[in-house]
Amino acid sequence: MKIIQITDLHISQEATNTFGVDVRQNFLGILKAIRSSAPDFIVLSGDLCFDKADPQTYRWIKSHLDFLKIPYAVIGGNHDNSKMIAGIFETEHLLVGEELYYKRMLGSHCLLFLETSAGTVSDGQLNWIERELKHLEKDTVIFMHHPPLPGGVPHMDKNYALQNMEDVQWVFFSFPHHLSVFCGHYHVEKTLSKRNLTVHITPSTYFQIDWRQEAFKVDHLRPALREINLRKDGVVDSTVIYFDGNKI
């Protein structure tokens, strides 16, 4: 089972100043690569919009995704409105209040998609995650926007980390099997591991942050995707693939 994850698209209206990066062309180039890769599934893991949630932007993204005719899932990031996403991407039946979190079966694999657009995981969602994990008897894959472990990126860890990270970890660590978590938000490529948890932070399709610096600094402008393979032998392997970025 091959999954492509893309994250932190930050798609803007065409007149928006995106600091010299052609975010729309980056996205279209990534979609071209995805089509050539022919995955079974695509995941967009948040921050679809440049700054604030915009229905026209969501519709533009959806139109290009639909053209690929490859099944996909979308979750919100801190620059999104999950209720708006659900309405435009026709997943309103998955809303829990204004939160968009759900599970989905891909063949024999049960994937969990979480809601962190408010920078936290609500108590109701934590209870749902705990219940869902109790029904699972093997290693599981989770997609969420915010990393559930500190990422080693000072600017992001200090200012934009998941607010109730320890509560989320408690639920995850209580699961008796291994969890592979794929997220974004930090605009960097990182792999983190603690106890039964391996967290893969996937780079943005916009720009990447220099994780060596205390203050915010752009590292480079190469967009990326992550290819994830859920193998029949139970191994989860993933590879980040970078592309040349597009400037305005």
Protein backbone atom coordinates (compact mmCIF):
# COMPACT_ATOMS: atom_id res chain seq x y z
CA MET A 1 0.00 0.00 0.00
CA LYS A 2 1.64 3.22 -1.19
CA ILE A 3 0.62 6.54 0.38
CA ILE A 4 1.87 9.99 -0.58
CA GLN A 5 1.77 12.64 2.14
CA ILE A 6 2.02 16.33 1.34
CA THR A 7 1.74 19.04 3.95
CA ASP A 8 1.92 22.77 4.61
CA LEU A 9 0.95 23.80 1.08
CA HIS A 10 0.15 27.40 2.10
CA ILE A 11 -1.71 28.01 -1.14
CA SER A 12 -2.64 31.67 -1.57
CA GLN A 13 -4.76 33.78 -3.85
CA GLU A 14 -2.69 34.73 -6.89
CA ALA A 15 -2.17 38.36 -5.83
CA THR A 16 -0.81 37.42 -2.40
CA ASN A 17 2.82 38.12 -1.52
CA THR A 18 4.31 34.69 -0.82
CA PHE A 19 7.87 36.04 -0.49
CA GLY A 20 8.89 35.09 -3.99
CA VAL A 21 7.75 31.47 -3.88
CA ASP A 22 5.21 30.28 -6.44
CA VAL A 23 3.23 28.10 -4.05
CA ARG A 24 0.64 27.17 -6.66
CA GLN A 25 3.21 25.97 -9.15
CA ASN A 26 4.98 24.04 -6.39
CA PHE A 27 1.71 22.26 -5.65
CA LEU A 28 1.01 21.52 -9.31
CA GLY A 29 4.53 20.17 -9.76
CA ILE A 30 4.08 17.92 -6.73
CA LEU A 31 0.79 16.63 -8.15
CA LYS A 32 2.54 15.80 -11.44
CA ALA A 33 5.11 13.77 -9.51
CA ILE A 34 2.33 12.05 -7.55
CA ARG A 35 0.55 11.06 -10.74
CA SER A 36 3.77 9.49 -12.07
CA SER A 37 4.24 7.63 -8.79
CA ALA A 38 0.71 6.16 -8.97
CA PRO A 39 0.08 5.79 -5.21
CA ASP A 40 -2.94 4.07 -3.73
CA PHE A 41 -3.79 7.05 -1.53
CA ILE A 42 -2.87 10.70 -0.88
CA VAL A 43 -2.92 12.52 2.45
CA LEU A 44 -2.92 16.31 2.83
CA SER A 45 -1.94 16.89 6.44
CA GLY A 46 -2.86 20.50 7.03
CA ASP A 47 -2.07 24.15 6.36
CA LEU A 48 -3.62 24.06 2.94
CA CYS A 49 -4.14 27.84 3.03
CA PHE A 50 -1.42 30.48 3.09
CA ASP A 51 -2.55 32.41 6.16
CA LYS A 52 -6.29 32.17 6.80
CA ALA A 53 -8.85 29.64 5.64
CA ASP A 54 -10.22 30.58 2.23
CA PRO A 55 -13.03 28.69 0.43
CA GLN A 56 -11.75 29.59 -3.04
CA THR A 57 -8.35 28.16 -2.20
CA TYR A 58 -9.89 24.94 -0.92
CA ARG A 59 -11.97 24.61 -4.09
CA TRP A 60 -8.88 25.18 -6.26
CA ILE A 61 -6.95 22.49 -4.40
CA LYS A 62 -9.87 20.07 -4.55
CA SER A 63 -10.33 20.53 -8.30
CA HIS A 64 -6.73 19.53 -8.98
CA LEU A 65 -6.81 16.61 -6.56
CA ASP A 66 -10.03 15.29 -8.07
CA PHE A 67 -8.44 15.42 -11.53
CA LEU A 68 -5.88 12.81 -10.43
CA LYS A 69 -8.64 10.30 -9.65
CA ILE A 70 -6.63 8.95 -6.72
CA PRO A 71 -8.39 8.57 -3.34
CA TYR A 72 -7.27 11.11 -0.77
CA ALA A 73 -7.86 12.39 2.76
CA VAL A 74 -7.55 15.92 4.13
CA ILE A 75 -7.04 17.20 7.67
CA GLY A 76 -6.66 20.77 8.90
CA GLY A 77 -3.69 22.69 10.22
CA ASN A 78 -3.43 25.87 12.23
CA HIS A 79 -3.99 28.00 9.11
CA ASP A 80 -7.16 26.10 8.21
CA ASN A 81 -10.80 25.89 9.18
CA SER A 82 -11.70 22.22 9.50
CA LYS A 83 -15.44 22.82 9.26
CA MET A 84 -14.89 24.69 6.00
CA ILE A 85 -12.63 21.88 4.75
CA ALA A 86 -15.31 19.31 5.53
CA GLY A 87 -17.94 21.28 3.66
CA ILE A 88 -15.87 21.82 0.52
CA PHE A 89 -14.21 18.38 0.46
CA GLU A 90 -17.58 16.70 1.11
CA THR A 91 -16.68 15.11 4.44
CA GLU A 92 -19.21 16.88 6.64
CA HIS A 93 -20.45 13.49 7.87
CA LEU A 94 -17.07 13.07 9.61
CA LEU A 95 -17.33 16.29 11.63
CA VAL A 96 -17.56 16.05 15.40
CA GLY A 97 -18.87 19.50 16.22
CA GLU A 98 -16.38 21.69 14.37
CA GLU A 99 -13.57 19.14 14.55
CA LEU A 100 -12.58 16.85 11.69
CA TYR A 101 -11.09 13.61 12.95
CA TYR A 102 -11.84 10.12 11.75
CA LYS A 103 -10.54 6.65 10.92
CA ARG A 104 -10.29 5.09 7.49
CA MET A 105 -9.58 1.58 6.32
CA LEU A 106 -7.08 1.12 3.49
CA GLY A 107 -7.17 -2.54 2.69
CA SER A 108 -6.31 -4.25 5.99
CA HIS A 109 -4.80 -1.07 7.45
CA CYS A 110 -6.73 1.16 9.84
CA LEU A 111 -5.49 4.76 9.69
CA LEU A 112 -6.40 7.49 12.17
CA PHE A 113 -6.65 11.13 11.06
CA LEU A 114 -6.54 13.67 13.89
CA GLU A 115 -7.63 17.28 14.40
CA THR A 116 -5.05 19.76 15.75
CA SER A 117 -5.99 22.96 13.91
CA ALA A 118 -6.53 24.77 17.23
CA GLY A 119 -3.03 23.78 18.37
CA THR A 120 -4.43 21.24 20.81
CA VAL A 121 -6.23 17.88 20.90
CA SER A 122 -9.59 18.25 22.61
CA ASP A 123 -10.65 16.03 25.50
CA GLY A 124 -13.40 14.55 23.35
CA GLN A 125 -10.94 13.63 20.64
CA LEU A 126 -8.48 12.18 23.17
CA ASN A 127 -11.26 9.92 24.45
CA TRP A 128 -12.08 8.90 20.87
CA ILE A 129 -8.42 8.10 20.11
CA GLU A 130 -8.16 5.99 23.25
CA ARG A 131 -11.33 4.04 22.35
CA GLU A 132 -10.19 3.47 18.77
CA LEU A 133 -6.75 2.27 19.79
CA LYS A 134 -8.28 -0.25 22.20
CA HIS A 135 -9.96 -1.93 19.23
CA LEU A 136 -6.70 -2.30 17.31
CA GLU A 137 -4.48 -5.32 17.78
CA LYS A 138 -1.49 -4.41 15.63
CA ASP A 139 0.81 -1.53 14.73
CA THR A 140 -1.06 1.52 13.50
CA VAL A 141 -0.48 4.65 11.41
CA ILE A 142 -1.69 8.10 12.45
CA PHE A 143 -1.77 11.36 10.51
CA MET A 144 -1.93 14.71 12.30
CA HIS A 145 -0.69 18.23 11.64
CA HIS A 146 1.28 18.99 14.83
CA PRO A 147 4.04 16.63 15.98
CA PRO A 148 3.26 14.89 19.29
CA LEU A 149 6.94 15.04 20.32
CA PRO A 150 9.28 18.06 20.52
CA GLY A 151 10.81 18.39 17.08
CA GLY A 152 14.21 19.82 17.88
CA VAL A 153 13.36 22.97 15.90
CA PRO A 154 13.79 25.77 18.46
CA HIS A 155 11.56 28.38 16.80
CA MET A 156 8.68 25.94 16.39
CA ASP A 157 9.10 24.11 19.71
CA LYS A 158 9.11 27.41 21.61
CA ASN A 159 6.28 29.19 19.79
CA TYR A 160 4.06 26.73 17.93
CA ALA A 161 4.25 23.29 19.55
CA LEU A 162 1.18 21.18 20.28
CA GLN A 163 -0.21 22.66 23.49
CA ASN A 164 -1.28 19.48 25.30
CA MET A 165 1.47 17.27 23.97
CA GLU A 166 1.86 15.32 27.21
CA ASP A 167 -1.84 14.36 27.23
CA VAL A 168 -1.55 13.08 23.67
CA GLN A 169 1.61 11.17 24.52
CA TRP A 170 -0.10 9.50 27.47
CA VAL A 171 -2.78 8.10 25.16
CA PHE A 172 -0.25 7.03 22.55
CA PHE A 173 2.11 5.42 25.07
CA SER A 174 -0.78 3.41 26.51
CA PHE A 175 -1.19 1.60 23.18
CA PRO A 176 0.55 -1.81 23.41
CA HIS A 177 1.73 -1.79 19.80
CA HIS A 178 3.84 0.53 17.67
CA LEU A 179 2.51 3.84 16.33
CA SER A 180 3.90 5.49 13.20
CA VAL A 181 2.83 9.14 13.22
CA PHE A 182 3.16 11.28 10.09
CA CYS A 183 2.77 15.02 10.52
CA GLY A 184 3.98 18.39 9.24
CA HIS A 185 3.71 21.91 10.69
CA TYR A 186 7.44 22.35 11.35
CA HIS A 187 8.55 22.84 7.71
CA VAL A 188 11.45 20.45 8.20
CA GLU A 189 12.40 16.81 7.73
CA LYS A 190 12.79 15.03 11.06
CA THR A 191 12.33 11.57 12.55
CA LEU A 192 11.68 11.31 16.29
CA SER A 193 11.32 8.22 18.45
CA LYS A 194 10.17 7.60 22.01
CA ARG A 195 8.90 4.34 23.49
CA ASN A 196 6.33 2.86 21.08
CA LEU A 197 6.14 6.04 19.02
CA THR A 198 7.97 7.02 15.84
CA VAL A 199 7.15 10.47 14.52
CA HIS A 200 7.96 11.48 10.96
CA ILE A 201 7.86 15.23 10.32
CA THR A 202 7.36 15.84 6.61
CA PRO A 203 8.75 18.95 4.89
CA SER A 204 6.48 21.58 3.38
CA THR A 205 5.69 22.15 -0.27
CA TYR A 206 6.41 25.87 0.45
CA PHE A 207 9.77 26.39 2.24
CA GLN A 208 11.83 24.62 4.91
CA ILE A 209 12.97 26.06 8.26
CA ASP A 210 16.58 25.92 9.43
CA TRP A 211 16.32 23.67 12.50
CA ARG A 212 19.83 24.63 13.65
CA GLN A 213 18.85 28.22 14.45
CA GLU A 214 17.21 29.56 17.62
CA ALA A 215 15.35 32.26 15.67
CA PHE A 216 13.26 31.73 12.55
CA LYS A 217 15.34 31.33 9.42
CA VAL A 218 14.50 29.77 6.07
CA ASP A 219 16.82 26.88 5.25
CA HIS A 220 15.90 26.32 1.60
CA LEU A 221 13.02 26.59 -0.88
CA ARG A 222 12.85 23.03 -2.17
CA PRO A 223 9.33 21.58 -1.80
CA ALA A 224 8.92 17.95 -0.82
CA LEU A 225 6.57 15.02 -0.48
CA ARG A 226 6.79 11.85 1.57
CA GLU A 227 6.23 8.39 0.09
CA ILE A 228 5.00 5.87 2.66
CA ASN A 229 4.81 2.15 1.99
CA LEU A 230 2.78 -0.10 4.29
CA ARG A 231 4.42 -3.40 3.46
CA LYS A 232 2.87 -6.85 3.74
CA ASP A 233 5.59 -7.88 6.20
CA GLY A 234 4.38 -5.21 8.63
CA VAL A 235 7.23 -2.80 7.97
CA VAL A 236 6.35 0.87 7.45
CA ASP A 237 8.98 2.52 5.27
CA SER A 238 9.00 6.11 4.14
CA THR A 239 11.15 8.36 1.99
CA VAL A 240 11.15 12.14 1.60
CA ILE A 241 11.58 13.32 -1.98
CA TYR A 242 12.59 16.91 -2.75
CA PHE A 243 11.99 18.87 -5.94
CA ASP A 244 13.23 22.11 -7.41
CA GLY A 245 11.14 25.00 -6.13
CA ASN A 246 9.34 27.56 -8.26
CA LYS A 247 9.82 31.30 -7.85
CA ILE A 248 7.51 34.06 -8.97
